[in-house]
Amino acid sequence: MKGSFDIQRDHIELLKMVLRLLAPDGLLIFSSNSLKFKLNKESLPEWNIKDISLATIPKDFYRNKRIHQCFEIRN
């Protein structure tokens, strides 16, 4: 990649590269701490994407549920 990495701009390209390596029954856990991040699910229509953010936030951080976003991605 040339230049800087921006998670919002570059996440689909990154995920497509990684998902090509995933076993047919594999699971990818993808997480971002960017407060403004929005996963572009429409660009990955062949994948089953589940938002597991709330289940992955420690109780100490419940006051700010946007502390991070976390997703399970399966084939």
Protein backbone atom coordinates (compact mmCIF):
# COMPACT_ATOMS: atom_id res chain seq x y z
CA MET A 1 0.00 0.00 0.00
CA LYS A 2 1.17 3.48 -0.74
CA GLY A 3 0.67 6.25 1.78
CA SER A 4 -1.10 5.92 5.09
CA PHE A 5 -3.63 3.33 6.22
CA ASP A 6 -7.10 4.61 7.04
CA ILE A 7 -9.39 1.98 8.55
CA GLN A 8 -12.57 3.53 7.17
CA ARG A 9 -11.23 4.01 3.68
CA ASP A 10 -9.19 0.78 3.47
CA HIS A 11 -11.11 -1.83 5.50
CA ILE A 12 -12.87 -3.50 2.56
CA GLU A 13 -9.65 -4.03 0.63
CA LEU A 14 -7.98 -5.40 3.78
CA LEU A 15 -10.88 -7.71 4.60
CA LYS A 16 -11.10 -9.07 1.05
CA MET A 17 -7.39 -9.93 1.13
CA VAL A 18 -7.70 -11.68 4.50
CA LEU A 19 -10.97 -13.46 3.71
CA ARG A 20 -9.39 -15.11 0.66
CA LEU A 21 -7.12 -16.94 3.12
CA LEU A 22 -9.92 -18.04 5.45
CA ALA A 23 -10.79 -21.75 5.50
CA PRO A 24 -14.32 -22.59 4.27
CA ASP A 25 -15.49 -23.11 7.86
CA GLY A 26 -13.22 -20.40 9.26
CA LEU A 27 -14.05 -17.42 11.44
CA LEU A 28 -12.52 -13.95 11.25
CA ILE A 29 -12.79 -11.60 14.21
CA PHE A 30 -12.43 -8.01 13.04
CA SER A 31 -12.24 -5.11 15.51
CA SER A 32 -11.73 -1.38 15.24
CA ASN A 33 -11.27 1.25 17.95
CA SER A 34 -12.10 4.10 15.58
CA LEU A 35 -15.11 5.89 17.07
CA LYS A 36 -16.42 6.91 13.64
CA PHE A 37 -15.89 3.53 11.97
CA LYS A 38 -18.77 2.01 10.00
CA LEU A 39 -18.35 -1.43 8.45
CA ASN A 40 -19.40 -1.42 4.80
CA LYS A 41 -21.33 -4.72 4.84
CA GLU A 42 -22.75 -4.08 1.37
CA SER A 43 -19.26 -4.55 -0.09
CA LEU A 44 -19.04 -8.07 1.39
CA PRO A 45 -22.41 -9.60 0.40
CA GLU A 46 -21.12 -13.19 0.25
CA TRP A 47 -20.02 -13.16 3.90
CA ASN A 48 -22.08 -13.65 7.07
CA ILE A 49 -21.26 -10.68 9.30
CA LYS A 50 -22.42 -10.48 12.90
CA ASP A 51 -21.83 -7.44 15.12
CA ILE A 52 -20.55 -8.75 18.47
CA SER A 53 -19.42 -5.39 19.83
CA LEU A 54 -21.57 -5.32 22.97
CA ALA A 55 -20.52 -8.85 23.95
CA THR A 56 -16.83 -7.87 23.74
CA ILE A 57 -16.90 -4.70 25.84
CA PRO A 58 -15.66 -5.18 29.41
CA LYS A 59 -18.08 -4.07 32.12
CA ASP A 60 -15.69 -1.25 33.05
CA PHE A 61 -16.41 0.34 29.66
CA TYR A 62 -20.21 -0.10 29.46
CA ARG A 63 -20.63 3.64 29.95
CA ASN A 64 -19.18 4.13 26.44
CA LYS A 65 -20.49 1.34 24.23
CA ARG A 66 -18.81 2.89 21.18
CA ILE A 67 -15.33 2.25 22.64
CA HIS A 68 -14.81 -0.24 19.83
CA GLN A 69 -16.64 -2.29 17.25
CA CYS A 70 -16.14 -6.00 16.78
CA PHE A 71 -17.49 -8.36 14.14
CA GLU A 72 -17.54 -12.09 13.42
CA ILE A 73 -17.18 -12.77 9.72
CA ARG A 74 -17.89 -16.24 8.35
CA ASN A 75 -18.19 -17.82 4.92
